[in-house]
Amino acid sequence: MFVWEQSAKTTMVAPEDALAGRRELVLPNPQPHTVLGTDILAEPEEDQEIIYLASGCFWGAEKLAWELGADSTAVGYMGGYTPNPTYEEVCTAKTGHAETVRVLFTPEKLPLEQLLQAFFESHDPTSLNRQGGDIGTQYRSAIFPTTQAQEDLARKMIAGYQEVLSQHGKGEIVTEVVPTLSAGPFFPAEDYHQQYLDKNPDGYQCHSRTGVACPLPGSGPLAQEK
């Protein structure tokens, strides 16, 4: 990839320059989760929540979420301008979307703190618009919370993790925290992307990480706030 191509892919497209997209869904008939057997786009029950997480290539990120104990997961595109984009369109960096995992979870079974801790530790949140060899705005680090409590916790954990990263000589966290009302809809990706690493056990996973543990609330630098 030439330098000018990298620059184009790491620059956020302007809304007026984004691809037009389409009205039709690219995933009109979602199949049940191949690992969990659940509806991948199920709405939350009273004891459940949804959060949207972007940490680079969504294949490995989705697998991490279902292995942690999520009730259901789906991959798709979010945070951009193009309605119902295809994967090929997202890869042009002209949709504004990030590869995103929709996580349905029960906090009593999978606390949000643990989910976010795994999110931060499983990629490099100090890397702007890239994760390792994956380069472009589609690979940016982002959290799209659905509640104020989720947003508050995400920001608190970012502050605590930043303190630890700085102590280890790492850079600034660039993870976006954008409420879903501002981020826009989640557009499910094509069927072959859903649970990709279950369908393709030897498939690609990005392993770009800081190698620094993220503290949970009540431990590490965050504990000093109490």
C-alpha atoms as a PDB file:
ATOM      1  CA  MET A   1       0.000   0.000   0.000  1.00  0.00           C
ATOM      2  CA  PHE A   2       1.424   3.381  -1.011  1.00  0.00           C
ATOM      3  CA  VAL A   3       1.693   6.225   1.498  1.00  0.00           C
ATOM      4  CA  TRP A   4      -0.999   8.258  -0.263  1.00  0.00           C
ATOM      5  CA  GLU A   5      -3.348   5.301  -0.115  1.00  0.00           C
ATOM      6  CA  GLN A   6      -2.728   4.929   3.626  1.00  0.00           C
ATOM      7  CA  SER A   7      -3.424   8.643   4.152  1.00  0.00           C
ATOM      8  CA  ALA A   8      -6.704   8.431   2.247  1.00  0.00           C
ATOM      9  CA  LYS A   9      -7.860   5.470   4.297  1.00  0.00           C
ATOM     10  CA  THR A  10      -6.910   7.007   7.641  1.00  0.00           C
ATOM     11  CA  THR A  11      -8.707  10.302   6.967  1.00  0.00           C
ATOM     12  CA  MET A  12     -12.360  10.364   7.974  1.00  0.00           C
ATOM     13  CA  VAL A  13     -14.580  10.906   4.959  1.00  0.00           C
ATOM     14  CA  ALA A  14     -16.797  13.998   4.950  1.00  0.00           C
ATOM     15  CA  PRO A  15     -20.541  13.271   5.035  1.00  0.00           C
ATOM     16  CA  GLU A  16     -21.047  14.849   1.631  1.00  0.00           C
ATOM     17  CA  ASP A  17     -18.330  12.631   0.133  1.00  0.00           C
ATOM     18  CA  ALA A  18     -19.584   9.358   1.600  1.00  0.00           C
ATOM     19  CA  LEU A  19     -20.960   6.596  -0.602  1.00  0.00           C
ATOM     20  CA  ALA A  20     -24.715   6.646  -1.145  1.00  0.00           C
ATOM     21  CA  GLY A  21     -25.408   3.134   0.104  1.00  0.00           C
ATOM     22  CA  ARG A  22     -28.854   1.582  -0.319  1.00  0.00           C
ATOM     23  CA  ARG A  23     -32.220   1.008   1.300  1.00  0.00           C
ATOM     24  CA  GLU A  24     -31.939  -2.776   1.157  1.00  0.00           C
ATOM     25  CA  LEU A  25     -30.338  -4.673   4.032  1.00  0.00           C
ATOM     26  CA  VAL A  26     -27.152  -6.584   3.209  1.00  0.00           C
ATOM     27  CA  LEU A  27     -28.282  -9.171   5.785  1.00  0.00           C
ATOM     28  CA  PRO A  28     -32.031  -9.554   5.140  1.00  0.00           C
ATOM     29  CA  ASN A  29     -32.350 -12.953   6.827  1.00  0.00           C
ATOM     30  CA  PRO A  30     -30.019 -13.237   9.841  1.00  0.00           C
ATOM     31  CA  GLN A  31     -29.258 -16.825  10.793  1.00  0.00           C
ATOM     32  CA  PRO A  32     -29.051 -17.986  14.424  1.00  0.00           C
ATOM     33  CA  HIS A  33     -25.710 -17.577  16.162  1.00  0.00           C
ATOM     34  CA  THR A  34     -23.571 -20.547  15.118  1.00  0.00           C
ATOM     35  CA  VAL A  35     -22.051 -20.890  18.606  1.00  0.00           C
ATOM     36  CA  LEU A  36     -24.762 -19.700  20.984  1.00  0.00           C
ATOM     37  CA  GLY A  37     -27.846 -20.607  18.960  1.00  0.00           C
ATOM     38  CA  THR A  38     -29.404 -17.223  19.745  1.00  0.00           C
ATOM     39  CA  ASP A  39     -30.927 -14.540  17.547  1.00  0.00           C
ATOM     40  CA  ILE A  40     -27.921 -12.418  16.633  1.00  0.00           C
ATOM     41  CA  LEU A  41     -30.050  -9.250  16.575  1.00  0.00           C
ATOM     42  CA  ALA A  42     -32.229 -10.055  19.592  1.00  0.00           C
ATOM     43  CA  GLU A  43     -33.590  -7.108  21.542  1.00  0.00           C
ATOM     44  CA  PRO A  44     -32.595  -6.972  25.220  1.00  0.00           C
ATOM     45  CA  GLU A  45     -34.773  -8.366  27.982  1.00  0.00           C
ATOM     46  CA  GLU A  46     -35.184  -6.417  31.231  1.00  0.00           C
ATOM     47  CA  ASP A  47     -31.971  -7.864  32.674  1.00  0.00           C
ATOM     48  CA  GLN A  48     -29.915  -7.433  29.511  1.00  0.00           C
ATOM     49  CA  GLU A  49     -28.066  -4.602  27.797  1.00  0.00           C
ATOM     50  CA  ILE A  50     -26.555  -3.923  24.386  1.00  0.00           C
ATOM     51  CA  ILE A  51     -23.259  -2.164  23.732  1.00  0.00           C
ATOM     52  CA  TYR A  52     -21.397  -1.687  20.462  1.00  0.00           C
ATOM     53  CA  LEU A  53     -17.604  -2.103  20.409  1.00  0.00           C
ATOM     54  CA  ALA A  54     -15.111  -1.398  17.632  1.00  0.00           C
ATOM     55  CA  SER A  55     -11.535  -2.612  18.066  1.00  0.00           C
ATOM     56  CA  GLY A  56     -10.198  -3.310  14.578  1.00  0.00           C
ATOM     57  CA  CYS A  57     -11.088  -6.408  12.582  1.00  0.00           C
ATOM     58  CA  PHE A  58     -14.463  -7.556  13.891  1.00  0.00           C
ATOM     59  CA  TRP A  59     -13.856 -11.290  13.441  1.00  0.00           C
ATOM     60  CA  GLY A  60     -11.645 -11.736  16.502  1.00  0.00           C
ATOM     61  CA  ALA A  61     -13.498  -9.083  18.487  1.00  0.00           C
ATOM     62  CA  GLU A  62     -16.764 -10.967  18.096  1.00  0.00           C
ATOM     63  CA  LYS A  63     -15.196 -14.260  19.138  1.00  0.00           C
ATOM     64  CA  LEU A  64     -13.802 -12.639  22.274  1.00  0.00           C
ATOM     65  CA  ALA A  65     -17.270 -11.374  23.223  1.00  0.00           C
ATOM     66  CA  TRP A  66     -19.023 -14.726  22.884  1.00  0.00           C
ATOM     67  CA  GLU A  67     -16.189 -16.484  24.731  1.00  0.00           C
ATOM     68  CA  LEU A  68     -16.510 -14.005  27.602  1.00  0.00           C
ATOM     69  CA  GLY A  69     -20.146 -14.970  28.092  1.00  0.00           C
ATOM     70  CA  ALA A  70     -22.200 -12.620  25.923  1.00  0.00           C
ATOM     71  CA  ASP A  71     -25.772 -13.738  25.299  1.00  0.00           C
ATOM     72  CA  SER A  72     -25.479 -12.983  21.601  1.00  0.00           C
ATOM     73  CA  THR A  73     -23.171 -11.179  19.205  1.00  0.00           C
ATOM     74  CA  ALA A  74     -23.286  -9.813  15.681  1.00  0.00           C
ATOM     75  CA  VAL A  75     -20.796  -7.971  13.504  1.00  0.00           C
ATOM     76  CA  GLY A  76     -21.540  -4.968  11.362  1.00  0.00           C
ATOM     77  CA  TYR A  77     -20.780  -1.392  10.529  1.00  0.00           C
ATOM     78  CA  MET A  78     -21.424   1.713  12.632  1.00  0.00           C
ATOM     79  CA  GLY A  79     -20.415   5.304  13.236  1.00  0.00           C
ATOM     80  CA  GLY A  80     -20.441   6.442   9.618  1.00  0.00           C
ATOM     81  CA  TYR A  81     -22.758   7.877   7.007  1.00  0.00           C
ATOM     82  CA  THR A  82     -23.532   5.247   4.368  1.00  0.00           C
ATOM     83  CA  PRO A  83     -26.778   3.295   4.926  1.00  0.00           C
ATOM     84  CA  ASN A  84     -26.560  -0.483   4.585  1.00  0.00           C
ATOM     85  CA  PRO A  85     -22.980  -0.574   3.289  1.00  0.00           C
ATOM     86  CA  THR A  86     -21.303  -3.646   1.898  1.00  0.00           C
ATOM     87  CA  TYR A  87     -17.984  -4.868   3.252  1.00  0.00           C
ATOM     88  CA  GLU A  88     -16.299  -3.825   0.012  1.00  0.00           C
ATOM     89  CA  GLU A  89     -17.665  -0.313   0.404  1.00  0.00           C
ATOM     90  CA  VAL A  90     -16.515  -0.066   4.019  1.00  0.00           C
ATOM     91  CA  CYS A  91     -13.022  -1.094   2.912  1.00  0.00           C
ATOM     92  CA  THR A  92     -12.827   1.980   0.648  1.00  0.00           C
ATOM     93  CA  ALA A  93     -12.919   4.242   3.747  1.00  0.00           C
ATOM     94  CA  LYS A  94     -15.697   6.194   2.025  1.00  0.00           C
ATOM     95  CA  THR A  95     -18.523   5.169   4.346  1.00  0.00           C
ATOM     96  CA  GLY A  96     -17.172   6.483   7.657  1.00  0.00           C
ATOM     97  CA  HIS A  97     -18.128   3.254   9.382  1.00  0.00           C
ATOM     98  CA  ALA A  98     -16.047   1.240  11.841  1.00  0.00           C
ATOM     99  CA  GLU A  99     -16.103  -2.551  11.978  1.00  0.00           C
ATOM    100  CA  THR A 100     -18.249  -3.048  15.064  1.00  0.00           C
ATOM    101  CA  VAL A 101     -19.497  -5.856  17.296  1.00  0.00           C
ATOM    102  CA  ARG A 102     -23.022  -5.694  18.702  1.00  0.00           C
ATOM    103  CA  VAL A 103     -22.882  -7.333  22.133  1.00  0.00           C
ATOM    104  CA  LEU A 104     -26.033  -8.431  23.944  1.00  0.00           C
ATOM    105  CA  PHE A 105     -25.126  -9.299  27.527  1.00  0.00           C
ATOM    106  CA  THR A 106     -26.524  -9.832  30.997  1.00  0.00           C
ATOM    107  CA  PRO A 107     -24.557  -7.647  33.450  1.00  0.00           C
ATOM    108  CA  GLU A 108     -25.096 -10.075  36.332  1.00  0.00           C
ATOM    109  CA  LYS A 109     -23.440 -12.789  34.259  1.00  0.00           C
ATOM    110  CA  LEU A 110     -20.940 -10.665  32.314  1.00  0.00           C
ATOM    111  CA  PRO A 111     -20.283  -7.355  34.109  1.00  0.00           C
ATOM    112  CA  LEU A 112     -19.664  -4.444  31.763  1.00  0.00           C
ATOM    113  CA  GLU A 113     -16.396  -3.720  33.585  1.00  0.00           C
ATOM    114  CA  GLN A 114     -15.019  -7.105  32.527  1.00  0.00           C
ATOM    115  CA  LEU A 115     -16.280  -6.705  28.977  1.00  0.00           C
ATOM    116  CA  LEU A 116     -14.615  -3.300  28.632  1.00  0.00           C
ATOM    117  CA  GLN A 117     -11.425  -4.548  30.276  1.00  0.00           C
ATOM    118  CA  ALA A 118     -11.195  -7.306  27.657  1.00  0.00           C
ATOM    119  CA  PHE A 119     -12.012  -4.778  24.937  1.00  0.00           C
ATOM    120  CA  PHE A 120      -9.121  -2.507  25.926  1.00  0.00           C
ATOM    121  CA  GLU A 121      -6.627  -5.332  26.410  1.00  0.00           C
ATOM    122  CA  SER A 122      -7.484  -7.128  23.143  1.00  0.00           C
ATOM    123  CA  HIS A 123      -6.376  -4.293  20.853  1.00  0.00           C
ATOM    124  CA  ASP A 124      -4.191  -1.187  20.936  1.00  0.00           C
ATOM    125  CA  PRO A 125      -6.440   1.742  21.880  1.00  0.00           C
ATOM    126  CA  THR A 126      -3.536   4.167  21.392  1.00  0.00           C
ATOM    127  CA  SER A 127      -3.307   3.360  17.674  1.00  0.00           C
ATOM    128  CA  LEU A 128      -5.218   5.842  15.520  1.00  0.00           C
ATOM    129  CA  ASN A 129      -7.205   4.369  12.632  1.00  0.00           C
ATOM    130  CA  ARG A 130      -5.227   1.168  12.479  1.00  0.00           C
ATOM    131  CA  GLN A 131      -4.546  -2.088  14.296  1.00  0.00           C
ATOM    132  CA  GLY A 132      -1.261  -3.628  13.238  1.00  0.00           C
ATOM    133  CA  GLY A 133      -1.345  -4.157   9.490  1.00  0.00           C
ATOM    134  CA  ASP A 134      -5.048  -3.261   9.295  1.00  0.00           C
ATOM    135  CA  ILE A 135      -5.053   0.374   8.221  1.00  0.00           C
ATOM    136  CA  GLY A 136      -8.029   2.670   7.811  1.00  0.00           C
ATOM    137  CA  THR A 137     -10.839   4.421   9.645  1.00  0.00           C
ATOM    138  CA  GLN A 138     -12.847   1.178   9.593  1.00  0.00           C
ATOM    139  CA  TYR A 139     -10.320  -0.181  12.127  1.00  0.00           C
ATOM    140  CA  ARG A 140     -10.589   2.704  14.577  1.00  0.00           C
ATOM    141  CA  SER A 141     -11.139   2.117  18.276  1.00  0.00           C
ATOM    142  CA  ALA A 142     -14.617   3.127  19.425  1.00  0.00           C
ATOM    143  CA  ILE A 143     -17.284   2.465  22.030  1.00  0.00           C
ATOM    144  CA  PHE A 144     -20.903   3.180  21.172  1.00  0.00           C
ATOM    145  CA  PRO A 145     -22.814   3.061  24.491  1.00  0.00           C
ATOM    146  CA  THR A 146     -26.586   2.704  24.679  1.00  0.00           C
ATOM    147  CA  THR A 147     -26.989   4.170  28.185  1.00  0.00           C
ATOM    148  CA  GLN A 148     -25.509   7.013  30.190  1.00  0.00           C
ATOM    149  CA  ALA A 149     -24.173   4.510  32.727  1.00  0.00           C
ATOM    150  CA  GLN A 150     -22.281   2.674  29.981  1.00  0.00           C
ATOM    151  CA  GLU A 151     -20.804   5.942  28.730  1.00  0.00           C
ATOM    152  CA  ASP A 152     -19.770   7.037  32.218  1.00  0.00           C
ATOM    153  CA  LEU A 153     -18.062   3.721  32.925  1.00  0.00           C
ATOM    154  CA  ALA A 154     -16.273   3.727  29.581  1.00  0.00           C
ATOM    155  CA  ARG A 155     -14.854   7.186  30.199  1.00  0.00           C
ATOM    156  CA  LYS A 156     -13.855   6.296  33.759  1.00  0.00           C
ATOM    157  CA  MET A 157     -12.015   3.184  32.585  1.00  0.00           C
ATOM    158  CA  ILE A 158     -10.285   5.128  29.827  1.00  0.00           C
ATOM    159  CA  ALA A 159      -8.995   7.604  32.425  1.00  0.00           C
ATOM    160  CA  GLY A 160      -7.707   4.800  34.644  1.00  0.00           C
ATOM    161  CA  TYR A 161      -6.146   2.868  31.791  1.00  0.00           C
ATOM    162  CA  GLN A 162      -4.484   5.995  30.442  1.00  0.00           C
ATOM    163  CA  GLU A 163      -2.716   6.490  33.753  1.00  0.00           C
ATOM    164  CA  VAL A 164      -1.350   2.960  33.643  1.00  0.00           C
ATOM    165  CA  LEU A 165      -0.368   3.220  29.973  1.00  0.00           C
ATOM    166  CA  SER A 166       1.454   6.484  30.612  1.00  0.00           C
ATOM    167  CA  GLN A 167       3.409   4.839  33.421  1.00  0.00           C
ATOM    168  CA  HIS A 168       4.539   2.237  30.859  1.00  0.00           C
ATOM    169  CA  GLY A 169       5.582   4.852  28.316  1.00  0.00           C
ATOM    170  CA  LYS A 170       2.637   4.260  26.018  1.00  0.00           C
ATOM    171  CA  GLY A 171       0.763   6.915  24.052  1.00  0.00           C
ATOM    172  CA  GLU A 172      -2.617   8.545  24.425  1.00  0.00           C
ATOM    173  CA  ILE A 173      -5.805   6.521  24.133  1.00  0.00           C
ATOM    174  CA  VAL A 174      -7.678   7.502  20.979  1.00  0.00           C
ATOM    175  CA  THR A 175     -10.795   5.395  21.604  1.00  0.00           C
ATOM    176  CA  GLU A 176     -13.921   7.298  20.626  1.00  0.00           C
ATOM    177  CA  VAL A 177     -16.891   7.184  22.990  1.00  0.00           C
ATOM    178  CA  VAL A 178     -19.960   8.133  20.981  1.00  0.00           C
ATOM    179  CA  PRO A 179     -23.506   7.483  22.244  1.00  0.00           C
ATOM    180  CA  THR A 180     -25.602   5.496  19.810  1.00  0.00           C
ATOM    181  CA  LEU A 181     -28.008   8.396  19.327  1.00  0.00           C
ATOM    182  CA  SER A 182     -25.103  10.335  17.823  1.00  0.00           C
ATOM    183  CA  ALA A 183     -23.292   7.429  16.179  1.00  0.00           C
ATOM    184  CA  GLY A 184     -26.279   6.358  14.110  1.00  0.00           C
ATOM    185  CA  PRO A 185     -27.608   2.882  13.299  1.00  0.00           C
ATOM    186  CA  PHE A 186     -25.756  -0.403  13.426  1.00  0.00           C
ATOM    187  CA  PHE A 187     -25.845  -2.084  10.014  1.00  0.00           C
ATOM    188  CA  PRO A 188     -25.341  -5.872  10.203  1.00  0.00           C
ATOM    189  CA  ALA A 189     -22.589  -7.246   7.977  1.00  0.00           C
ATOM    190  CA  GLU A 190     -22.965  -9.997   5.430  1.00  0.00           C
ATOM    191  CA  ASP A 191     -23.711 -13.529   6.627  1.00  0.00           C
ATOM    192  CA  TYR A 192     -20.203 -14.855   5.952  1.00  0.00           C
ATOM    193  CA  HIS A 193     -18.790 -12.343   8.441  1.00  0.00           C
ATOM    194  CA  GLN A 194     -21.101 -13.443  11.257  1.00  0.00           C
ATOM    195  CA  GLN A 195     -19.257 -15.761  13.668  1.00  0.00           C
ATOM    196  CA  TYR A 196     -16.483 -15.916  11.072  1.00  0.00           C
ATOM    197  CA  LEU A 197     -13.952 -17.581  13.352  1.00  0.00           C
ATOM    198  CA  ASP A 198     -16.400 -20.332  14.254  1.00  0.00           C
ATOM    199  CA  LYS A 199     -16.959 -21.008  10.561  1.00  0.00           C
ATOM    200  CA  ASN A 200     -13.235 -20.601   9.832  1.00  0.00           C
ATOM    201  CA  PRO A 201     -11.304 -21.705  12.965  1.00  0.00           C
ATOM    202  CA  ASP A 202      -7.927 -20.958  11.381  1.00  0.00           C
ATOM    203  CA  GLY A 203      -9.052 -17.585  10.069  1.00  0.00           C
ATOM    204  CA  TYR A 204      -7.262 -14.283  10.519  1.00  0.00           C
ATOM    205  CA  GLN A 205      -7.176 -12.570  13.908  1.00  0.00           C
ATOM    206  CA  CYS A 206      -5.476  -9.270  14.574  1.00  0.00           C
ATOM    207  CA  HIS A 207      -3.262  -9.448  17.665  1.00  0.00           C
ATOM    208  CA  SER A 208      -2.231  -5.811  18.035  1.00  0.00           C
ATOM    209  CA  ARG A 209      -2.113  -5.027  21.766  1.00  0.00           C
ATOM    210  CA  THR A 210      -0.290  -2.773  24.227  1.00  0.00           C
ATOM    211  CA  GLY A 211       0.562  -5.683  26.519  1.00  0.00           C
ATOM    212  CA  VAL A 212      -0.486  -3.569  29.502  1.00  0.00           C
ATOM    213  CA  ALA A 213      -3.289  -4.743  31.799  1.00  0.00           C
ATOM    214  CA  CYS A 214      -6.359  -2.522  32.105  1.00  0.00           C
ATOM    215  CA  PRO A 215      -7.423  -2.005  35.736  1.00  0.00           C
ATOM    216  CA  LEU A 216     -10.986  -2.648  36.801  1.00  0.00           C
ATOM    217  CA  PRO A 217     -12.848   0.037  38.761  1.00  0.00           C
ATOM    218  CA  GLY A 218     -11.842  -0.253  42.391  1.00  0.00           C
ATOM    219  CA  SER A 219      -8.288  -1.311  41.596  1.00  0.00           C
ATOM    220  CA  GLY A 220      -5.167   0.381  40.306  1.00  0.00           C
ATOM    221  CA  PRO A 221      -5.270   4.136  39.669  1.00  0.00           C
ATOM    222  CA  LEU A 222      -9.071   4.139  39.650  1.00  0.00           C
ATOM    223  CA  ALA A 223      -9.120   3.154  43.307  1.00  0.00           C
ATOM    224  CA  GLN A 224      -7.488   6.462  44.177  1.00  0.00           C
ATOM    225  CA  GLU A 225     -10.695   8.263  43.251  1.00  0.00           C
ATOM    226  CA  LYS A 226     -12.588   6.666  46.155  1.00  0.00           C
END
